[in-house]
């Protein structure tokens, strides 16, 4: 097994494409034996707050701590898409919820990672259902004590939590 790339996104809402769009993407690389990891990529994505509207801005603020000001000064989407593609092309990738992260966002234009990466199963699929409903609950169950020292608000925090879960699962032989 090669190194595994864990990817998480922050989006403007809970519905997925085409109603919602990615405004932050984060990537960690877990070493194949599950003993260590590196943060590989983290970027907000430019979005004009006037185009997003109040509901999306409220959702971003409430769920990720992302403000209109942060989006306004972020790199353009095409730059982030290219940088992410360069990081992930020909890599094995997963997410806490692969269907949401990739199926609803990163496998549609402009991201379209279809055929460019190898998809591994969702991390949440390896956890008892009562703990797999969200990243924070799973993280607290699998790795008690907050070993990553994260608040769980933005996509990098979620990526670090997912990576921590994945490392524990890999070390235990469950992934």
C-alpha atoms as a PDB file:
ATOM      1  CA  UNK A   1       0.000   0.000   0.000  1.00  0.00           C
ATOM      2  CA  UNK A   2       1.282   3.445  -0.926  1.00  0.00           C
ATOM      3  CA  UNK A   3       0.847   6.538   1.193  1.00  0.00           C
ATOM      4  CA  UNK A   4      -2.792   7.570   1.516  1.00  0.00           C
ATOM      5  CA  UNK A   5      -3.995  11.118   0.898  1.00  0.00           C
ATOM      6  CA  UNK A   6      -6.864  12.219   3.136  1.00  0.00           C
ATOM      7  CA  UNK A   7      -8.941  15.040   1.648  1.00  0.00           C
ATOM      8  CA  UNK A   8     -11.615  17.184   3.290  1.00  0.00           C
ATOM      9  CA  UNK A   9     -13.516  20.203   1.994  1.00  0.00           C
ATOM     10  CA  UNK A  10     -15.565  23.090   3.337  1.00  0.00           C
ATOM     11  CA  UNK A  11     -18.576  23.896   1.189  1.00  0.00           C
ATOM     12  CA  UNK A  12     -21.190  26.626   1.054  1.00  0.00           C
ATOM     13  CA  UNK A  13     -23.955  24.271   2.186  1.00  0.00           C
ATOM     14  CA  UNK A  14     -24.967  20.686   2.929  1.00  0.00           C
ATOM     15  CA  UNK A  15     -26.536  19.766  -0.426  1.00  0.00           C
ATOM     16  CA  UNK A  16     -23.542  19.321  -2.735  1.00  0.00           C
ATOM     17  CA  UNK A  17     -23.056  20.317  -6.352  1.00  0.00           C
ATOM     18  CA  UNK A  18     -24.703  22.189  -8.098  1.00  0.00           C
ATOM     19  CA  UNK A  19     -26.379  24.023  -5.187  1.00  0.00           C
ATOM     20  CA  UNK A  20     -23.157  24.306  -3.169  1.00  0.00           C
ATOM     21  CA  UNK A  21     -19.505  24.837  -3.970  1.00  0.00           C
ATOM     22  CA  UNK A  22     -16.112  24.198  -2.399  1.00  0.00           C
ATOM     23  CA  UNK A  23     -14.530  27.149  -0.585  1.00  0.00           C
ATOM     24  CA  UNK A  24     -11.720  25.325   1.246  1.00  0.00           C
ATOM     25  CA  UNK A  25      -9.807  22.149   0.511  1.00  0.00           C
ATOM     26  CA  UNK A  26      -7.283  20.429   2.778  1.00  0.00           C
ATOM     27  CA  UNK A  27      -5.042  17.395   2.266  1.00  0.00           C
ATOM     28  CA  UNK A  28      -2.903  15.295   4.587  1.00  0.00           C
ATOM     29  CA  UNK A  29      -0.644  12.411   3.529  1.00  0.00           C
ATOM     30  CA  UNK A  30      -0.608   9.439   5.870  1.00  0.00           C
ATOM     31  CA  UNK A  31       2.495   7.278   5.653  1.00  0.00           C
ATOM     32  CA  UNK A  32       1.711   3.753   4.523  1.00  0.00           C
ATOM     33  CA  UNK A  33       2.283   2.143   7.921  1.00  0.00           C
ATOM     34  CA  UNK A  34       0.047   4.658   9.700  1.00  0.00           C
ATOM     35  CA  UNK A  35       2.764   5.896  12.053  1.00  0.00           C
ATOM     36  CA  UNK A  36       3.074   9.457  10.769  1.00  0.00           C
ATOM     37  CA  UNK A  37       1.521  12.038   8.458  1.00  0.00           C
ATOM     38  CA  UNK A  38       2.267  15.335   6.711  1.00  0.00           C
ATOM     39  CA  UNK A  39      -0.027  18.224   5.908  1.00  0.00           C
ATOM     40  CA  UNK A  40       0.202  18.545   2.142  1.00  0.00           C
ATOM     41  CA  UNK A  41      -2.219  21.263   1.123  1.00  0.00           C
ATOM     42  CA  UNK A  42      -4.673  23.734   2.590  1.00  0.00           C
ATOM     43  CA  UNK A  43      -6.311  26.595   0.748  1.00  0.00           C
ATOM     44  CA  UNK A  44      -9.415  28.680   0.816  1.00  0.00           C
ATOM     45  CA  UNK A  45     -11.016  29.365  -2.567  1.00  0.00           C
ATOM     46  CA  UNK A  46     -12.054  32.814  -3.764  1.00  0.00           C
ATOM     47  CA  UNK A  47     -15.780  33.395  -3.803  1.00  0.00           C
ATOM     48  CA  UNK A  48     -17.525  36.720  -4.151  1.00  0.00           C
ATOM     49  CA  UNK A  49     -19.622  37.037  -0.987  1.00  0.00           C
ATOM     50  CA  UNK A  50     -22.278  38.934  -2.964  1.00  0.00           C
ATOM     51  CA  UNK A  51     -22.704  35.916  -5.271  1.00  0.00           C
ATOM     52  CA  UNK A  52     -22.917  33.430  -2.390  1.00  0.00           C
ATOM     53  CA  UNK A  53     -25.686  35.153  -0.485  1.00  0.00           C
ATOM     54  CA  UNK A  54     -26.518  35.408   3.191  1.00  0.00           C
ATOM     55  CA  UNK A  55     -27.580  31.768   3.723  1.00  0.00           C
ATOM     56  CA  UNK A  56     -24.290  30.407   2.360  1.00  0.00           C
ATOM     57  CA  UNK A  57     -22.228  32.964   4.265  1.00  0.00           C
ATOM     58  CA  UNK A  58     -24.072  32.121   7.491  1.00  0.00           C
ATOM     59  CA  UNK A  59     -23.527  28.402   6.841  1.00  0.00           C
ATOM     60  CA  UNK A  60     -19.790  28.937   6.268  1.00  0.00           C
ATOM     61  CA  UNK A  61     -19.441  31.057   9.378  1.00  0.00           C
ATOM     62  CA  UNK A  62     -21.461  28.716  11.596  1.00  0.00           C
ATOM     63  CA  UNK A  63     -19.913  25.451  10.359  1.00  0.00           C
ATOM     64  CA  UNK A  64     -16.345  26.362   9.409  1.00  0.00           C
ATOM     65  CA  UNK A  65     -15.558  29.770  10.869  1.00  0.00           C
ATOM     66  CA  UNK A  66     -15.026  31.098   7.337  1.00  0.00           C
ATOM     67  CA  UNK A  67     -15.878  34.771   6.816  1.00  0.00           C
ATOM     68  CA  UNK A  68     -16.673  36.799   3.709  1.00  0.00           C
ATOM     69  CA  UNK A  69     -13.369  38.647   4.140  1.00  0.00           C
ATOM     70  CA  UNK A  70     -11.428  35.361   4.108  1.00  0.00           C
ATOM     71  CA  UNK A  71     -13.086  34.276   0.849  1.00  0.00           C
ATOM     72  CA  UNK A  72     -12.564  37.636  -0.795  1.00  0.00           C
ATOM     73  CA  UNK A  73      -8.765  37.511  -0.383  1.00  0.00           C
ATOM     74  CA  UNK A  74      -8.354  33.809  -1.288  1.00  0.00           C
ATOM     75  CA  UNK A  75      -6.736  32.440  -4.472  1.00  0.00           C
ATOM     76  CA  UNK A  76      -8.986  32.019  -7.528  1.00  0.00           C
ATOM     77  CA  UNK A  77     -10.702  28.668  -8.005  1.00  0.00           C
ATOM     78  CA  UNK A  78      -8.698  27.740 -11.131  1.00  0.00           C
ATOM     79  CA  UNK A  79      -5.421  28.173  -9.217  1.00  0.00           C
ATOM     80  CA  UNK A  80      -6.604  25.984  -6.325  1.00  0.00           C
ATOM     81  CA  UNK A  81      -7.959  23.357  -8.742  1.00  0.00           C
ATOM     82  CA  UNK A  82      -4.597  23.127 -10.511  1.00  0.00           C
ATOM     83  CA  UNK A  83      -2.621  22.987  -7.256  1.00  0.00           C
ATOM     84  CA  UNK A  84      -4.900  20.260  -5.879  1.00  0.00           C
ATOM     85  CA  UNK A  85      -4.684  18.277  -9.117  1.00  0.00           C
ATOM     86  CA  UNK A  86      -0.872  18.486  -9.018  1.00  0.00           C
ATOM     87  CA  UNK A  87      -0.852  17.186  -5.424  1.00  0.00           C
ATOM     88  CA  UNK A  88      -3.303  14.314  -5.940  1.00  0.00           C
ATOM     89  CA  UNK A  89      -2.818  13.029  -9.479  1.00  0.00           C
ATOM     90  CA  UNK A  90      -2.091   9.261  -9.463  1.00  0.00           C
ATOM     91  CA  UNK A  91      -2.481   9.051  -5.659  1.00  0.00           C
ATOM     92  CA  UNK A  92      -4.677   6.881  -3.443  1.00  0.00           C
ATOM     93  CA  UNK A  93      -7.237   9.147  -1.765  1.00  0.00           C
ATOM     94  CA  UNK A  94      -9.941   8.888   0.845  1.00  0.00           C
ATOM     95  CA  UNK A  95     -12.070  11.097   3.049  1.00  0.00           C
ATOM     96  CA  UNK A  96     -14.239  10.648   6.092  1.00  0.00           C
ATOM     97  CA  UNK A  97     -17.144  10.502   3.625  1.00  0.00           C
ATOM     98  CA  UNK A  98     -15.860   9.801   0.097  1.00  0.00           C
ATOM     99  CA  UNK A  99     -19.315  10.157  -1.439  1.00  0.00           C
ATOM    100  CA  UNK A 100     -19.703  13.686  -0.082  1.00  0.00           C
ATOM    101  CA  UNK A 101     -16.148  14.962  -0.565  1.00  0.00           C
ATOM    102  CA  UNK A 102     -15.540  13.461  -3.982  1.00  0.00           C
ATOM    103  CA  UNK A 103     -18.971  12.435  -5.292  1.00  0.00           C
ATOM    104  CA  UNK A 104     -20.665  15.725  -4.482  1.00  0.00           C
ATOM    105  CA  UNK A 105     -17.744  18.102  -5.041  1.00  0.00           C
ATOM    106  CA  UNK A 106     -14.321  16.986  -6.266  1.00  0.00           C
ATOM    107  CA  UNK A 107     -15.521  14.720  -9.079  1.00  0.00           C
ATOM    108  CA  UNK A 108     -17.479  17.463 -10.828  1.00  0.00           C
ATOM    109  CA  UNK A 109     -16.252  20.478 -12.752  1.00  0.00           C
ATOM    110  CA  UNK A 110     -14.090  22.379 -12.238  1.00  0.00           C
ATOM    111  CA  UNK A 111     -12.353  19.893  -9.899  1.00  0.00           C
ATOM    112  CA  UNK A 112     -13.123  16.634 -11.774  1.00  0.00           C
ATOM    113  CA  UNK A 113     -10.635  14.187 -10.254  1.00  0.00           C
ATOM    114  CA  UNK A 114     -12.375  11.237 -11.968  1.00  0.00           C
ATOM    115  CA  UNK A 115      -9.813   8.916 -13.489  1.00  0.00           C
ATOM    116  CA  UNK A 116      -6.962  10.945 -11.995  1.00  0.00           C
ATOM    117  CA  UNK A 117      -6.859   9.386  -8.513  1.00  0.00           C
ATOM    118  CA  UNK A 118      -7.634   6.029  -6.929  1.00  0.00           C
ATOM    119  CA  UNK A 119     -10.559   6.200  -4.520  1.00  0.00           C
ATOM    120  CA  UNK A 120     -10.293   4.225  -1.296  1.00  0.00           C
ATOM    121  CA  UNK A 121     -13.333   3.481   0.891  1.00  0.00           C
ATOM    122  CA  UNK A 122     -14.686   6.101   3.263  1.00  0.00           C
ATOM    123  CA  UNK A 123     -12.987   6.237   6.642  1.00  0.00           C
ATOM    124  CA  UNK A 124     -16.436   6.337   8.247  1.00  0.00           C
ATOM    125  CA  UNK A 125     -17.196   2.898   6.783  1.00  0.00           C
ATOM    126  CA  UNK A 126     -14.642   1.308   9.125  1.00  0.00           C
ATOM    127  CA  UNK A 127     -16.204   2.694  12.308  1.00  0.00           C
ATOM    128  CA  UNK A 128     -19.286   1.387  14.186  1.00  0.00           C
ATOM    129  CA  UNK A 129     -22.353   3.191  12.799  1.00  0.00           C
ATOM    130  CA  UNK A 130     -23.228   4.875  16.082  1.00  0.00           C
ATOM    131  CA  UNK A 131     -19.881   6.715  15.964  1.00  0.00           C
ATOM    132  CA  UNK A 132     -19.666   7.283  12.201  1.00  0.00           C
ATOM    133  CA  UNK A 133     -22.341   9.992  11.875  1.00  0.00           C
ATOM    134  CA  UNK A 134     -19.785  12.834  11.821  1.00  0.00           C
ATOM    135  CA  UNK A 135     -16.018  13.359  11.950  1.00  0.00           C
ATOM    136  CA  UNK A 136     -15.932  14.812  15.476  1.00  0.00           C
ATOM    137  CA  UNK A 137     -17.883  11.922  17.013  1.00  0.00           C
ATOM    138  CA  UNK A 138     -15.704   9.358  15.215  1.00  0.00           C
ATOM    139  CA  UNK A 139     -12.515  11.202  16.176  1.00  0.00           C
ATOM    140  CA  UNK A 140     -13.492  11.303  19.848  1.00  0.00           C
ATOM    141  CA  UNK A 141     -14.343   7.574  19.737  1.00  0.00           C
ATOM    142  CA  UNK A 142     -11.267   6.312  17.867  1.00  0.00           C
ATOM    143  CA  UNK A 143      -8.667   8.739  19.237  1.00  0.00           C
ATOM    144  CA  UNK A 144      -9.861  10.029  22.631  1.00  0.00           C
ATOM    145  CA  UNK A 145      -8.185  13.061  24.145  1.00  0.00           C
ATOM    146  CA  UNK A 146      -7.908  15.186  20.965  1.00  0.00           C
ATOM    147  CA  UNK A 147      -4.371  14.089  19.976  1.00  0.00           C
ATOM    148  CA  UNK A 148      -4.340  16.544  17.044  1.00  0.00           C
ATOM    149  CA  UNK A 149      -5.301  19.478  19.315  1.00  0.00           C
ATOM    150  CA  UNK A 150      -7.929  20.721  16.863  1.00  0.00           C
ATOM    151  CA  UNK A 151     -11.193  22.582  17.300  1.00  0.00           C
ATOM    152  CA  UNK A 152     -12.859  20.778  14.391  1.00  0.00           C
ATOM    153  CA  UNK A 153     -14.139  23.868  12.656  1.00  0.00           C
ATOM    154  CA  UNK A 154     -12.404  24.237   9.281  1.00  0.00           C
ATOM    155  CA  UNK A 155     -11.536  21.683   6.610  1.00  0.00           C
ATOM    156  CA  UNK A 156      -7.918  21.362   7.831  1.00  0.00           C
ATOM    157  CA  UNK A 157      -9.145  20.511  11.331  1.00  0.00           C
ATOM    158  CA  UNK A 158     -11.469  17.937   9.785  1.00  0.00           C
ATOM    159  CA  UNK A 159      -8.625  16.617   7.635  1.00  0.00           C
ATOM    160  CA  UNK A 160      -6.398  16.250  10.701  1.00  0.00           C
ATOM    161  CA  UNK A 161      -9.172  14.424  12.575  1.00  0.00           C
ATOM    162  CA  UNK A 162      -9.806  12.104   9.613  1.00  0.00           C
ATOM    163  CA  UNK A 163      -6.080  11.435   9.291  1.00  0.00           C
ATOM    164  CA  UNK A 164      -5.808  10.658  12.999  1.00  0.00           C
ATOM    165  CA  UNK A 165      -8.689   8.178  12.699  1.00  0.00           C
ATOM    166  CA  UNK A 166      -7.123   6.647   9.578  1.00  0.00           C
ATOM    167  CA  UNK A 167      -3.745   6.265  11.307  1.00  0.00           C
ATOM    168  CA  UNK A 168      -5.337   4.433  14.242  1.00  0.00           C
ATOM    169  CA  UNK A 169      -7.348   2.207  11.894  1.00  0.00           C
ATOM    170  CA  UNK A 170      -4.235   1.427   9.836  1.00  0.00           C
ATOM    171  CA  UNK A 171      -2.148   0.619  12.914  1.00  0.00           C
ATOM    172  CA  UNK A 172      -4.942  -1.679  14.136  1.00  0.00           C
ATOM    173  CA  UNK A 173      -5.270  -3.429  10.758  1.00  0.00           C
ATOM    174  CA  UNK A 174      -8.790  -2.170  10.031  1.00  0.00           C
ATOM    175  CA  UNK A 175      -7.866  -0.151   6.936  1.00  0.00           C
END
